[in-house]
Amino acid sequence: MSGADADIVLDEMLVDIKTVKNLKLKPDYWRQLVGYVVLADLAGDELDEMPRFSEVGIYYARHGTLWRSSATDIYEHEKYEQFKTWFREKAEEHFGQST
C-alpha cells in the first residue's frame, strides 16, 4: 500500500485544501479526511514511516480559514479498526495486494 494523498502534512496535522465558495464543513469533506487518515495508517503499518496524526484540518483557501479537529475523533472511534480492516480488504480486492 502507499500513503495518503492529502494536500499538506504539517508536523502532526493532515490538511486538505479546499477552494470552495462556501465556508461550510460538508460530510464529504470529513469522509475524505477519514479516508486519508486510514490510508496513512495502513501505510504506516507497512512502512513504519508514516506518523500518527494528532490533528486533521481543512484549509478554506478562498477564506483564509483553517478548520481543525483532533485526530483522536477518528482513531478512537469504536469502529475505526473494523473500518480500517474493511478498507484494506476492499483495496486489495480491487487493486491487488501490495508487494
N, C-alpha and C. Protein backbone atom coordinates (compact mmCIF):
# COMPACT_ATOMS: atom_id res chain seq x y z
N MET A 1 0.84 -1.17 0.00
CA MET A 1 0.00 0.00 0.00
C MET A 1 0.89 1.24 0.00
N SER A 2 0.39 2.31 -0.56
CA SER A 2 1.12 3.56 -0.49
C SER A 2 0.37 4.51 0.44
N GLY A 3 0.99 5.65 0.72
CA GLY A 3 0.43 6.58 1.70
C GLY A 3 -0.75 7.38 1.19
N ALA A 4 -1.27 8.16 2.09
CA ALA A 4 -2.39 9.03 1.77
C ALA A 4 -1.94 10.14 0.86
N ASP A 5 -2.87 10.74 0.19
CA ASP A 5 -2.55 11.78 -0.77
C ASP A 5 -3.23 13.09 -0.38
N ALA A 6 -3.12 13.44 0.89
CA ALA A 6 -3.68 14.71 1.37
C ALA A 6 -2.85 15.84 0.78
N ASP A 7 -3.35 17.05 0.89
CA ASP A 7 -2.66 18.18 0.30
C ASP A 7 -1.41 18.59 1.07
N ILE A 8 -1.47 18.58 2.40
CA ILE A 8 -0.34 19.02 3.21
C ILE A 8 -0.29 18.20 4.50
N VAL A 9 0.91 17.88 4.92
CA VAL A 9 1.13 17.34 6.25
C VAL A 9 2.06 18.33 6.94
N LEU A 10 1.56 18.97 7.99
CA LEU A 10 2.32 19.93 8.77
C LEU A 10 2.53 19.35 10.16
N ASP A 11 3.77 19.05 10.48
CA ASP A 11 4.08 18.41 11.76
C ASP A 11 3.19 17.19 11.92
N GLU A 12 2.27 17.21 12.85
CA GLU A 12 1.40 16.05 13.08
C GLU A 12 -0.04 16.32 12.64
N MET A 13 -0.22 17.28 11.70
CA MET A 13 -1.56 17.61 11.22
C MET A 13 -1.67 17.33 9.72
N LEU A 14 -2.71 16.59 9.35
CA LEU A 14 -3.02 16.31 7.95
C LEU A 14 -4.05 17.34 7.50
N VAL A 15 -3.76 18.06 6.42
CA VAL A 15 -4.64 19.15 5.97
C VAL A 15 -5.03 18.94 4.51
N ASP A 16 -6.30 19.10 4.25
CA ASP A 16 -6.82 19.10 2.88
C ASP A 16 -7.17 20.54 2.53
N ILE A 17 -6.83 20.97 1.35
CA ILE A 17 -7.11 22.34 0.91
C ILE A 17 -8.35 22.34 0.02
N LYS A 18 -9.27 23.22 0.34
CA LYS A 18 -10.48 23.40 -0.46
C LYS A 18 -10.51 24.83 -0.98
N THR A 19 -10.87 24.97 -2.24
CA THR A 19 -11.01 26.30 -2.85
C THR A 19 -12.47 26.59 -3.15
N VAL A 20 -13.31 26.20 -2.24
CA VAL A 20 -14.76 26.30 -2.42
C VAL A 20 -15.27 27.69 -2.08
N LYS A 21 -16.40 28.01 -2.66
CA LYS A 21 -17.02 29.31 -2.46
C LYS A 21 -17.62 29.46 -1.06
N ASN A 22 -18.26 28.39 -0.58
CA ASN A 22 -18.95 28.44 0.71
C ASN A 22 -18.09 27.86 1.82
N LEU A 23 -17.97 28.61 2.88
CA LEU A 23 -17.22 28.19 4.06
C LEU A 23 -18.12 27.26 4.87
N LYS A 24 -18.09 25.97 4.52
CA LYS A 24 -19.01 25.01 5.11
C LYS A 24 -18.30 23.66 5.21
N LEU A 25 -18.45 23.00 6.35
CA LEU A 25 -17.90 21.66 6.51
C LEU A 25 -18.94 20.66 6.04
N LYS A 26 -18.71 20.09 4.89
CA LYS A 26 -19.64 19.10 4.33
C LYS A 26 -19.26 17.71 4.80
N PRO A 27 -20.23 16.81 4.91
CA PRO A 27 -19.92 15.43 5.31
C PRO A 27 -18.88 14.77 4.40
N ASP A 28 -18.92 15.08 3.11
CA ASP A 28 -17.93 14.52 2.19
C ASP A 28 -16.51 14.94 2.55
N TYR A 29 -16.34 16.15 3.03
CA TYR A 29 -15.00 16.63 3.43
C TYR A 29 -14.50 15.81 4.61
N TRP A 30 -15.37 15.57 5.58
CA TRP A 30 -14.99 14.77 6.75
C TRP A 30 -14.65 13.34 6.32
N ARG A 31 -15.47 12.76 5.45
CA ARG A 31 -15.21 11.39 4.99
C ARG A 31 -13.87 11.32 4.25
N GLN A 32 -13.56 12.35 3.50
CA GLN A 32 -12.29 12.40 2.79
C GLN A 32 -11.12 12.41 3.78
N LEU A 33 -11.22 13.20 4.83
CA LEU A 33 -10.18 13.22 5.86
C LEU A 33 -10.04 11.86 6.53
N VAL A 34 -11.16 11.22 6.83
CA VAL A 34 -11.11 9.89 7.44
C VAL A 34 -10.40 8.92 6.50
N GLY A 35 -10.71 8.98 5.22
CA GLY A 35 -10.03 8.13 4.23
C GLY A 35 -8.54 8.37 4.19
N TYR A 36 -8.12 9.63 4.22
CA TYR A 36 -6.69 9.95 4.24
C TYR A 36 -6.01 9.41 5.49
N VAL A 37 -6.67 9.54 6.63
CA VAL A 37 -6.10 9.03 7.88
C VAL A 37 -5.95 7.52 7.81
N VAL A 38 -6.95 6.83 7.32
CA VAL A 38 -6.88 5.38 7.20
C VAL A 38 -5.76 4.97 6.24
N LEU A 39 -5.67 5.63 5.10
CA LEU A 39 -4.60 5.31 4.15
C LEU A 39 -3.22 5.52 4.77
N ALA A 40 -3.06 6.62 5.48
CA ALA A 40 -1.78 6.90 6.13
C ALA A 40 -1.49 5.85 7.20
N ASP A 41 -2.51 5.46 7.95
CA ASP A 41 -2.35 4.45 8.99
C ASP A 41 -1.96 3.11 8.37
N LEU A 42 -2.59 2.73 7.29
CA LEU A 42 -2.25 1.49 6.60
C LEU A 42 -0.83 1.54 6.06
N ALA A 43 -0.44 2.68 5.52
CA ALA A 43 0.93 2.83 5.02
C ALA A 43 1.93 2.72 6.17
N GLY A 44 1.57 3.29 7.31
CA GLY A 44 2.43 3.20 8.49
C GLY A 44 2.58 1.76 8.97
N ASP A 45 1.53 0.97 8.84
CA ASP A 45 1.60 -0.45 9.20
C ASP A 45 2.63 -1.17 8.34
N GLU A 46 2.73 -0.75 7.08
CA GLU A 46 3.64 -1.39 6.12
C GLU A 46 5.06 -0.81 6.17
N LEU A 47 5.17 0.50 6.34
CA LEU A 47 6.45 1.19 6.17
C LEU A 47 7.10 1.69 7.45
N ASP A 48 6.35 1.82 8.50
CA ASP A 48 6.84 2.40 9.76
C ASP A 48 7.41 3.81 9.58
N GLU A 49 6.97 4.52 8.54
CA GLU A 49 7.46 5.87 8.29
C GLU A 49 6.38 6.93 8.44
N MET A 50 5.15 6.53 8.45
CA MET A 50 4.04 7.48 8.47
C MET A 50 3.68 7.81 9.91
N PRO A 51 3.67 9.09 10.25
CA PRO A 51 3.32 9.45 11.63
C PRO A 51 1.83 9.25 11.88
N ARG A 52 1.51 9.09 13.12
CA ARG A 52 0.10 9.09 13.51
C ARG A 52 -0.26 10.54 13.78
N PHE A 53 -1.28 11.03 13.15
CA PHE A 53 -1.63 12.44 13.22
C PHE A 53 -2.30 12.78 14.54
N SER A 54 -2.03 13.99 15.02
CA SER A 54 -2.71 14.47 16.22
C SER A 54 -3.93 15.31 15.85
N GLU A 55 -3.88 15.89 14.64
CA GLU A 55 -5.00 16.71 14.15
C GLU A 55 -5.22 16.48 12.67
N VAL A 56 -6.42 16.77 12.24
CA VAL A 56 -6.77 16.85 10.82
C VAL A 56 -7.38 18.23 10.59
N GLY A 57 -7.29 18.70 9.37
CA GLY A 57 -7.85 20.02 9.10
C GLY A 57 -8.24 20.21 7.66
N ILE A 58 -9.02 21.22 7.45
CA ILE A 58 -9.39 21.66 6.10
C ILE A 58 -9.07 23.14 6.03
N TYR A 59 -8.25 23.49 5.04
CA TYR A 59 -7.92 24.90 4.83
C TYR A 59 -8.80 25.40 3.70
N TYR A 60 -9.63 26.38 4.01
CA TYR A 60 -10.51 27.00 3.02
C TYR A 60 -9.74 28.17 2.41
N ALA A 61 -9.11 27.93 1.26
CA ALA A 61 -8.18 28.88 0.67
C ALA A 61 -8.82 30.23 0.33
N ARG A 62 -10.02 30.23 -0.18
CA ARG A 62 -10.68 31.49 -0.54
C ARG A 62 -10.99 32.36 0.68
N HIS A 63 -11.08 31.73 1.83
CA HIS A 63 -11.47 32.44 3.05
C HIS A 63 -10.31 32.63 4.02
N GLY A 64 -9.17 31.97 3.74
CA GLY A 64 -8.04 32.06 4.64
C GLY A 64 -8.32 31.47 6.01
N THR A 65 -9.13 30.41 6.04
CA THR A 65 -9.58 29.82 7.30
C THR A 65 -9.15 28.36 7.38
N LEU A 66 -8.59 27.99 8.52
CA LEU A 66 -8.23 26.60 8.77
C LEU A 66 -9.17 26.02 9.82
N TRP A 67 -9.95 25.01 9.44
CA TRP A 67 -10.79 24.28 10.38
C TRP A 67 -9.97 23.09 10.86
N ARG A 68 -9.97 22.86 12.17
CA ARG A 68 -9.17 21.78 12.74
C ARG A 68 -10.01 20.90 13.65
N SER A 69 -9.57 19.64 13.74
CA SER A 69 -10.22 18.69 14.64
C SER A 69 -9.17 17.72 15.15
N SER A 70 -9.37 17.22 16.33
CA SER A 70 -8.47 16.22 16.89
C SER A 70 -8.58 14.92 16.10
N ALA A 71 -7.46 14.34 15.74
CA ALA A 71 -7.47 13.07 15.02
C ALA A 71 -7.93 11.93 15.90
N THR A 72 -7.93 12.12 17.21
CA THR A 72 -8.43 11.06 18.09
C THR A 72 -9.92 10.81 17.84
N ASP A 73 -10.63 11.80 17.30
CA ASP A 73 -12.03 11.59 16.93
C ASP A 73 -12.15 10.48 15.89
N ILE A 74 -11.10 10.30 15.11
CA ILE A 74 -11.08 9.24 14.09
C ILE A 74 -10.49 7.96 14.69
N TYR A 75 -9.25 8.05 15.18
CA TYR A 75 -8.55 6.87 15.68
C TYR A 75 -9.28 6.15 16.81
N GLU A 76 -9.94 6.89 17.68
CA GLU A 76 -10.56 6.28 18.84
C GLU A 76 -12.05 5.97 18.66
N HIS A 77 -12.54 6.15 17.43
CA HIS A 77 -13.93 5.77 17.17
C HIS A 77 -14.07 4.26 17.38
N GLU A 78 -15.16 3.85 17.96
CA GLU A 78 -15.35 2.44 18.31
C GLU A 78 -15.26 1.49 17.11
N LYS A 79 -15.49 1.99 15.91
CA LYS A 79 -15.45 1.13 14.73
C LYS A 79 -14.25 1.41 13.82
N TYR A 80 -13.28 2.18 14.31
CA TYR A 80 -12.14 2.54 13.46
C TYR A 80 -11.37 1.32 12.96
N GLU A 81 -10.99 0.42 13.85
CA GLU A 81 -10.21 -0.75 13.44
C GLU A 81 -11.00 -1.63 12.48
N GLN A 82 -12.28 -1.77 12.72
CA GLN A 82 -13.14 -2.55 11.82
C GLN A 82 -13.18 -1.89 10.44
N PHE A 83 -13.34 -0.57 10.40
CA PHE A 83 -13.37 0.14 9.13
C PHE A 83 -12.03 0.04 8.42
N LYS A 84 -10.93 0.17 9.16
CA LYS A 84 -9.59 0.08 8.58
C LYS A 84 -9.38 -1.29 7.93
N THR A 85 -9.81 -2.34 8.60
CA THR A 85 -9.69 -3.70 8.05
C THR A 85 -10.53 -3.84 6.79
N TRP A 86 -11.77 -3.35 6.83
CA TRP A 86 -12.64 -3.39 5.66
C TRP A 86 -12.02 -2.63 4.49
N PHE A 87 -11.47 -1.45 4.78
CA PHE A 87 -10.86 -0.60 3.76
C PHE A 87 -9.70 -1.34 3.09
N ARG A 88 -8.82 -1.96 3.92
CA ARG A 88 -7.68 -2.71 3.38
C ARG A 88 -8.16 -3.85 2.49
N GLU A 89 -9.14 -4.60 2.97
CA GLU A 89 -9.65 -5.74 2.21
C GLU A 89 -10.23 -5.30 0.87
N LYS A 90 -11.01 -4.23 0.87
CA LYS A 90 -11.60 -3.74 -0.38
C LYS A 90 -10.52 -3.24 -1.34
N ALA A 91 -9.52 -2.55 -0.81
CA ALA A 91 -8.43 -2.06 -1.66
C ALA A 91 -7.67 -3.23 -2.28
N GLU A 92 -7.39 -4.26 -1.49
CA GLU A 92 -6.69 -5.44 -2.01
C GLU A 92 -7.55 -6.18 -3.03
N GLU A 93 -8.85 -6.23 -2.78
CA GLU A 93 -9.77 -6.89 -3.70
C GLU A 93 -9.78 -6.18 -5.05
N HIS A 94 -9.80 -4.86 -5.04
CA HIS A 94 -9.89 -4.09 -6.29
C HIS A 94 -8.56 -3.84 -6.95
N PHE A 95 -7.48 -3.71 -6.18
CA PHE A 95 -6.20 -3.30 -6.74
C PHE A 95 -5.09 -4.33 -6.54
N GLY A 96 -5.38 -5.44 -5.90
CA GLY A 96 -4.37 -6.45 -5.65
C GLY A 96 -3.58 -6.13 -4.39
N GLN A 97 -2.91 -7.14 -3.86
CA GLN A 97 -2.10 -6.93 -2.67
C GLN A 97 -0.82 -6.22 -3.01
N SER A 98 -0.31 -5.43 -2.04
CA SER A 98 0.96 -4.76 -2.24
C SER A 98 2.08 -5.77 -2.12
N THR A 99 3.18 -5.44 -2.72
CA THR A 99 4.34 -6.34 -2.66
C THR A 99 5.43 -5.79 -1.81
